[in-house]
PDB file of N, CA and C in Angstrom:
ATOM      1  N   MET A   1     -12.289 -56.830  -5.881  1.00  0.00           N
ATOM      2  CA  MET A   1     -13.183 -57.427  -4.884  1.00  0.00           C
ATOM      3  C   MET A   1     -13.233 -56.509  -3.662  1.00  0.00           C
ATOM      4  N   ASN A   2     -14.407 -56.163  -3.202  1.00  0.00           N
ATOM      5  CA  ASN A   2     -14.496 -55.304  -2.027  1.00  0.00           C
ATOM      6  C   ASN A   2     -14.580 -56.135  -0.754  1.00  0.00           C
ATOM      7  N   ASP A   3     -14.395 -55.472   0.383  1.00  0.00           N
ATOM      8  CA  ASP A   3     -14.346 -56.174   1.657  1.00  0.00           C
ATOM      9  C   ASP A   3     -15.636 -56.901   1.999  1.00  0.00           C
ATOM     10  N   SER A   4     -16.783 -56.386   1.530  1.00  0.00           N
ATOM     11  CA  SER A   4     -18.050 -57.010   1.887  1.00  0.00           C
ATOM     12  C   SER A   4     -18.195 -58.403   1.282  1.00  0.00           C
ATOM     13  N   SER A   5     -17.487 -58.684   0.186  1.00  0.00           N
ATOM     14  CA  SER A   5     -17.569 -60.008  -0.419  1.00  0.00           C
ATOM     15  C   SER A   5     -16.356 -60.869  -0.086  1.00  0.00           C
ATOM     16  N   GLN A   6     -15.423 -60.320   0.676  1.00  0.00           N
ATOM     17  CA  GLN A   6     -14.208 -61.056   1.051  1.00  0.00           C
ATOM     18  C   GLN A   6     -14.545 -62.106   2.112  1.00  0.00           C
ATOM     19  N   LYS A   7     -13.979 -63.275   1.968  1.00  0.00           N
ATOM     20  CA  LYS A   7     -14.136 -64.337   2.960  1.00  0.00           C
ATOM     21  C   LYS A   7     -12.754 -64.668   3.519  1.00  0.00           C
ATOM     22  N   TYR A   8     -12.738 -65.264   4.711  1.00  0.00           N
ATOM     23  CA  TYR A   8     -11.474 -65.566   5.382  1.00  0.00           C
ATOM     24  C   TYR A   8     -11.463 -67.013   5.841  1.00  0.00           C
ATOM     25  N   TYR A   9     -10.284 -67.596   5.830  1.00  0.00           N
ATOM     26  CA  TYR A   9     -10.071 -68.952   6.318  1.00  0.00           C
ATOM     27  C   TYR A   9      -9.029 -68.941   7.417  1.00  0.00           C
ATOM     28  N   ILE A  10      -9.135 -69.917   8.310  1.00  0.00           N
ATOM     29  CA  ILE A  10      -8.088 -70.168   9.288  1.00  0.00           C
ATOM     30  C   ILE A  10      -7.306 -71.359   8.772  1.00  0.00           C
ATOM     31  N   ILE A  11      -6.008 -71.193   8.675  1.00  0.00           N
ATOM     32  CA  ILE A  11      -5.120 -72.220   8.143  1.00  0.00           C
ATOM     33  C   ILE A  11      -4.215 -72.720   9.262  1.00  0.00           C
ATOM     34  N   LYS A  12      -4.184 -74.030   9.473  1.00  0.00           N
ATOM     35  CA  LYS A  12      -3.279 -74.624  10.465  1.00  0.00           C
ATOM     36  C   LYS A  12      -2.071 -75.174   9.741  1.00  0.00           C
ATOM     37  N   LYS A  13      -0.887 -74.753  10.179  1.00  0.00           N
ATOM     38  CA  LYS A  13       0.373 -75.188   9.575  1.00  0.00           C
ATOM     39  C   LYS A  13       0.962 -76.352  10.372  1.00  0.00           C
ATOM     40  N   LEU A  14       1.998 -76.964   9.826  1.00  0.00           N
ATOM     41  CA  LEU A  14       2.663 -78.086  10.488  1.00  0.00           C
ATOM     42  C   LEU A  14       3.173 -77.724  11.876  1.00  0.00           C
ATOM     43  N   GLU A  15       3.631 -76.471  12.050  1.00  0.00           N
ATOM     44  CA  GLU A  15       4.153 -76.067  13.360  1.00  0.00           C
ATOM     45  C   GLU A  15       3.043 -75.775  14.371  1.00  0.00           C
ATOM     46  N   GLU A  16       1.789 -76.104  14.009  1.00  0.00           N
ATOM     47  CA  GLU A  16       0.631 -76.036  14.902  1.00  0.00           C
ATOM     48  C   GLU A  16       0.084 -74.629  15.099  1.00  0.00           C
ATOM     49  N   THR A  17       0.648 -73.613  14.456  1.00  0.00           N
ATOM     50  CA  THR A  17       0.078 -72.272  14.578  1.00  0.00           C
ATOM     51  C   THR A  17      -1.003 -72.100  13.520  1.00  0.00           C
ATOM     52  N   CYS A  18      -1.956 -71.250  13.818  1.00  0.00           N
ATOM     53  CA  CYS A  18      -3.036 -70.977  12.886  1.00  0.00           C
ATOM     54  C   CYS A  18      -2.988 -69.522  12.470  1.00  0.00           C
ATOM     55  N   GLU A  19      -3.173 -69.286  11.177  1.00  0.00           N
ATOM     56  CA  GLU A  19      -3.212 -67.918  10.693  1.00  0.00           C
ATOM     57  C   GLU A  19      -4.477 -67.698   9.893  1.00  0.00           C
ATOM     58  N   ILE A  20      -4.890 -66.440   9.835  1.00  0.00           N
ATOM     59  CA  ILE A  20      -6.099 -66.060   9.112  1.00  0.00           C
ATOM     60  C   ILE A  20      -5.679 -65.476   7.775  1.00  0.00           C
ATOM     61  N   LEU A  21      -6.235 -66.029   6.709  1.00  0.00           N
ATOM     62  CA  LEU A  21      -5.906 -65.563   5.365  1.00  0.00           C
ATOM     63  C   LEU A  21      -7.179 -65.274   4.587  1.00  0.00           C
ATOM     64  N   PRO A  22      -7.136 -64.263   3.718  1.00  0.00           N
ATOM     65  CA  PRO A  22      -8.278 -64.051   2.828  1.00  0.00           C
ATOM     66  C   PRO A  22      -8.391 -65.199   1.833  1.00  0.00           C
ATOM     67  N   ILE A  23      -9.589 -65.458   1.379  1.00  0.00           N
ATOM     68  CA  ILE A  23      -9.841 -66.577   0.469  1.00  0.00           C
ATOM     69  C   ILE A  23      -8.972 -66.498  -0.784  1.00  0.00           C
ATOM     70  N   THR A  24      -8.651 -65.287  -1.223  1.00  0.00           N
ATOM     71  CA  THR A  24      -7.836 -65.134  -2.434  1.00  0.00           C
ATOM     72  C   THR A  24      -6.453 -65.734  -2.251  1.00  0.00           C
ATOM     73  N   GLN A  25      -5.899 -65.664  -1.044  1.00  0.00           N
ATOM     74  CA  GLN A  25      -4.586 -66.260  -0.791  1.00  0.00           C
ATOM     75  C   GLN A  25      -4.677 -67.765  -0.590  1.00  0.00           C
ATOM     76  N   VAL A  26      -5.793 -68.212  -0.047  1.00  0.00           N
ATOM     77  CA  VAL A  26      -5.964 -69.655   0.206  1.00  0.00           C
ATOM     78  C   VAL A  26      -6.124 -70.410  -1.114  1.00  0.00           C
ATOM     79  N   GLU A  27      -6.891 -69.855  -2.035  1.00  0.00           N
ATOM     80  CA  GLU A  27      -7.146 -70.534  -3.303  1.00  0.00           C
ATOM     81  C   GLU A  27      -5.857 -70.746  -4.100  1.00  0.00           C
ATOM     82  N   HIS A  28      -4.947 -69.805  -4.006  1.00  0.00           N
ATOM     83  CA  HIS A  28      -3.714 -69.894  -4.789  1.00  0.00           C
ATOM     84  C   HIS A  28      -2.590 -70.573  -4.028  1.00  0.00           C
ATOM     85  N   LYS A  29      -2.842 -70.953  -2.807  1.00  0.00           N
ATOM     86  CA  LYS A  29      -1.787 -71.490  -1.947  1.00  0.00           C
ATOM     87  C   LYS A  29      -1.979 -73.004  -1.789  1.00  0.00           C
ATOM     88  N   LYS A  30      -1.292 -73.766  -2.576  1.00  0.00           N
ATOM     89  CA  LYS A  30      -1.322 -75.225  -2.429  1.00  0.00           C
ATOM     90  C   LYS A  30      -0.102 -75.632  -1.624  1.00  0.00           C
ATOM     91  N   ASP A  31      -0.125 -75.242  -0.363  1.00  0.00           N
ATOM     92  CA  ASP A  31       1.022 -75.379   0.528  1.00  0.00           C
ATOM     93  C   ASP A  31       1.002 -76.749   1.205  1.00  0.00           C
ATOM     94  N   PRO A  32       2.062 -77.546   1.066  1.00  0.00           N
ATOM     95  CA  PRO A  32       2.089 -78.862   1.722  1.00  0.00           C
ATOM     96  C   PRO A  32       2.178 -78.752   3.244  1.00  0.00           C
ATOM     97  N   ASP A  33       2.519 -77.572   3.768  1.00  0.00           N
ATOM     98  CA  ASP A  33       2.599 -77.377   5.220  1.00  0.00           C
ATOM     99  C   ASP A  33       1.234 -77.178   5.865  1.00  0.00           C
ATOM    100  N   ILE A  34       0.188 -76.987   5.055  1.00  0.00           N
ATOM    101  CA  ILE A  34      -1.153 -76.769   5.606  1.00  0.00           C
ATOM    102  C   ILE A  34      -1.731 -78.112   6.049  1.00  0.00           C
ATOM    103  N   VAL A  35      -2.045 -78.186   7.339  1.00  0.00           N
ATOM    104  CA  VAL A  35      -2.554 -79.423   7.936  1.00  0.00           C
ATOM    105  C   VAL A  35      -4.085 -79.446   7.935  1.00  0.00           C
ATOM    106  N   GLU A  36      -4.689 -78.292   8.237  1.00  0.00           N
ATOM    107  CA  GLU A  36      -6.142 -78.226   8.390  1.00  0.00           C
ATOM    108  C   GLU A  36      -6.613 -76.806   8.082  1.00  0.00           C
ATOM    109  N   THR A  37      -7.855 -76.677   7.622  1.00  0.00           N
ATOM    110  CA  THR A  37      -8.432 -75.351   7.377  1.00  0.00           C
ATOM    111  C   THR A  37      -9.835 -75.289   7.969  1.00  0.00           C
ATOM    112  N   TRP A  38     -10.225 -74.088   8.369  1.00  0.00           N
ATOM    113  CA  TRP A  38     -11.583 -73.823   8.844  1.00  0.00           C
ATOM    114  C   TRP A  38     -12.103 -72.606   8.103  1.00  0.00           C
ATOM    115  N   GLY A  39     -13.375 -72.613   7.771  1.00  0.00           N
ATOM    116  CA  GLY A  39     -13.951 -71.452   7.110  1.00  0.00           C
ATOM    117  C   GLY A  39     -14.813 -71.905   5.947  1.00  0.00           C
ATOM    118  N   PRO A  40     -15.289 -70.991   5.171  1.00  0.00           N
ATOM    119  CA  PRO A  40     -14.980 -69.554   5.179  1.00  0.00           C
ATOM    120  C   PRO A  40     -15.781 -68.788   6.225  1.00  0.00           C
ATOM    121  N   PHE A  41     -15.196 -67.693   6.682  1.00  0.00           N
ATOM    122  CA  PHE A  41     -15.853 -66.772   7.605  1.00  0.00           C
ATOM    123  C   PHE A  41     -16.122 -65.476   6.861  1.00  0.00           C
ATOM    124  N   ASN A  42     -17.224 -64.822   7.196  1.00  0.00           N
ATOM    125  CA  ASN A  42     -17.637 -63.616   6.480  1.00  0.00           C
ATOM    126  C   ASN A  42     -16.829 -62.387   6.836  1.00  0.00           C
ATOM    127  N   THR A  43     -16.287 -62.340   8.058  1.00  0.00           N
ATOM    128  CA  THR A  43     -15.502 -61.175   8.473  1.00  0.00           C
ATOM    129  C   THR A  43     -14.219 -61.648   9.139  1.00  0.00           C
ATOM    130  N   VAL A  44     -13.228 -60.773   9.137  1.00  0.00           N
ATOM    131  CA  VAL A  44     -11.977 -61.103   9.805  1.00  0.00           C
ATOM    132  C   VAL A  44     -12.207 -61.207  11.316  1.00  0.00           C
ATOM    133  N   GLU A  45     -13.143 -60.425  11.843  1.00  0.00           N
ATOM    134  CA  GLU A  45     -13.454 -60.496  13.273  1.00  0.00           C
ATOM    135  C   GLU A  45     -14.015 -61.863  13.654  1.00  0.00           C
ATOM    136  N   GLU A  46     -14.876 -62.404  12.799  1.00  0.00           N
ATOM    137  CA  GLU A  46     -15.437 -63.739  13.045  1.00  0.00           C
ATOM    138  C   GLU A  46     -14.328 -64.794  13.012  1.00  0.00           C
ATOM    139  N   ALA A  47     -13.403 -64.647  12.073  1.00  0.00           N
ATOM    140  CA  ALA A  47     -12.285 -65.587  11.976  1.00  0.00           C
ATOM    141  C   ALA A  47     -11.382 -65.488  13.208  1.00  0.00           C
ATOM    142  N   ILE A  48     -11.138 -64.268  13.693  1.00  0.00           N
ATOM    143  CA  ILE A  48     -10.313 -64.089  14.897  1.00  0.00           C
ATOM    144  C   ILE A  48     -10.979 -64.756  16.097  1.00  0.00           C
ATOM    145  N   ALA A  49     -12.270 -64.548  16.238  1.00  0.00           N
ATOM    146  CA  ALA A  49     -13.000 -65.157  17.356  1.00  0.00           C
ATOM    147  C   ALA A  49     -12.930 -66.680  17.287  1.00  0.00           C
ATOM    148  N   ARG A  50     -13.070 -67.229  16.099  1.00  0.00           N
ATOM    149  CA  ARG A  50     -12.999 -68.687  15.936  1.00  0.00           C
ATOM    150  C   ARG A  50     -11.588 -69.201  16.228  1.00  0.00           C
ATOM    151  N   ARG A  51     -10.572 -68.441  15.798  1.00  0.00           N
ATOM    152  CA  ARG A  51      -9.177 -68.832  16.056  1.00  0.00           C
ATOM    153  C   ARG A  51      -8.900 -68.873  17.561  1.00  0.00           C
ATOM    154  N   VAL A  52      -9.425 -67.902  18.303  1.00  0.00           N
ATOM    155  CA  VAL A  52      -9.279 -67.901  19.766  1.00  0.00           C
ATOM    156  C   VAL A  52      -9.893 -69.172  20.346  1.00  0.00           C
ATOM    157  N   GLY A  53     -11.069 -69.542  19.850  1.00  0.00           N
ATOM    158  CA  GLY A  53     -11.709 -70.771  20.303  1.00  0.00           C
ATOM    159  C   GLY A  53     -10.885 -72.009  19.984  1.00  0.00           C
ATOM    160  N   LEU A  54     -10.271 -72.026  18.805  1.00  0.00           N
ATOM    161  CA  LEU A  54      -9.428 -73.163  18.430  1.00  0.00           C
ATOM    162  C   LEU A  54      -8.190 -73.251  19.318  1.00  0.00           C
ATOM    163  N   ILE A  55      -7.631 -72.101  19.670  1.00  0.00           N
ATOM    164  CA  ILE A  55      -6.471 -72.088  20.580  1.00  0.00           C
ATOM    165  C   ILE A  55      -6.890 -72.606  21.953  1.00  0.00           C
ATOM    166  N   ARG A  56      -8.019 -72.146  22.441  1.00  0.00           N
ATOM    167  CA  ARG A  56      -8.509 -72.593  23.743  1.00  0.00           C
ATOM    168  C   ARG A  56      -8.825 -74.087  23.748  1.00  0.00           C
ATOM    169  N   ALA A  57      -9.280 -74.600  22.622  1.00  0.00           N
ATOM    170  CA  ALA A  57      -9.608 -76.024  22.512  1.00  0.00           C
ATOM    171  C   ALA A  57      -8.363 -76.883  22.299  1.00  0.00           C
ATOM    172  N   GLY A  58      -7.201 -76.247  22.129  1.00  0.00           N
ATOM    173  CA  GLY A  58      -5.959 -76.992  21.942  1.00  0.00           C
ATOM    174  C   GLY A  58      -5.709 -77.417  20.504  1.00  0.00           C
ATOM    175  N   LYS A  59      -6.492 -76.925  19.560  1.00  0.00           N
ATOM    176  CA  LYS A  59      -6.308 -77.305  18.159  1.00  0.00           C
ATOM    177  C   LYS A  59      -5.246 -76.457  17.468  1.00  0.00           C
ATOM    178  N   CYS A  60      -4.970 -75.271  18.012  1.00  0.00           N
ATOM    179  CA  CYS A  60      -3.953 -74.371  17.444  1.00  0.00           C
ATOM    180  C   CYS A  60      -3.088 -73.840  18.576  1.00  0.00           C
ATOM    181  N   GLN A  61      -1.852 -73.523  18.251  1.00  0.00           N
ATOM    182  CA  GLN A  61      -0.958 -72.875  19.185  1.00  0.00           C
ATOM    183  C   GLN A  61      -0.937 -71.379  18.906  1.00  0.00           C
ATOM    184  N   PRO A  62      -0.898 -70.551  19.955  1.00  0.00           N
ATOM    185  CA  PRO A  62      -0.781 -69.117  19.701  1.00  0.00           C
ATOM    186  C   PRO A  62       0.589 -68.802  19.123  1.00  0.00           C
ATOM    187  N   LYS A  63       0.653 -67.737  18.337  1.00  0.00           N
ATOM    188  CA  LYS A  63       1.938 -67.347  17.739  1.00  0.00           C
ATOM    189  C   LYS A  63       2.827 -66.703  18.761  1.00  0.00           C
TER     190      LYS A  63
END
């Protein structure tokens, strides 16, 4: 899979931090610690920008 077709998700964990993962890791990750997800985003830059917004809105804690 090349980068142009890669999608990214923001994953919120129980400890309230959010991380950006490629869709390939999200699909295989049935993690009980995942509280909420946002996405898919077309670029990692778009996901980073959205994560900043989520932190500012109080939905995620910075790492």
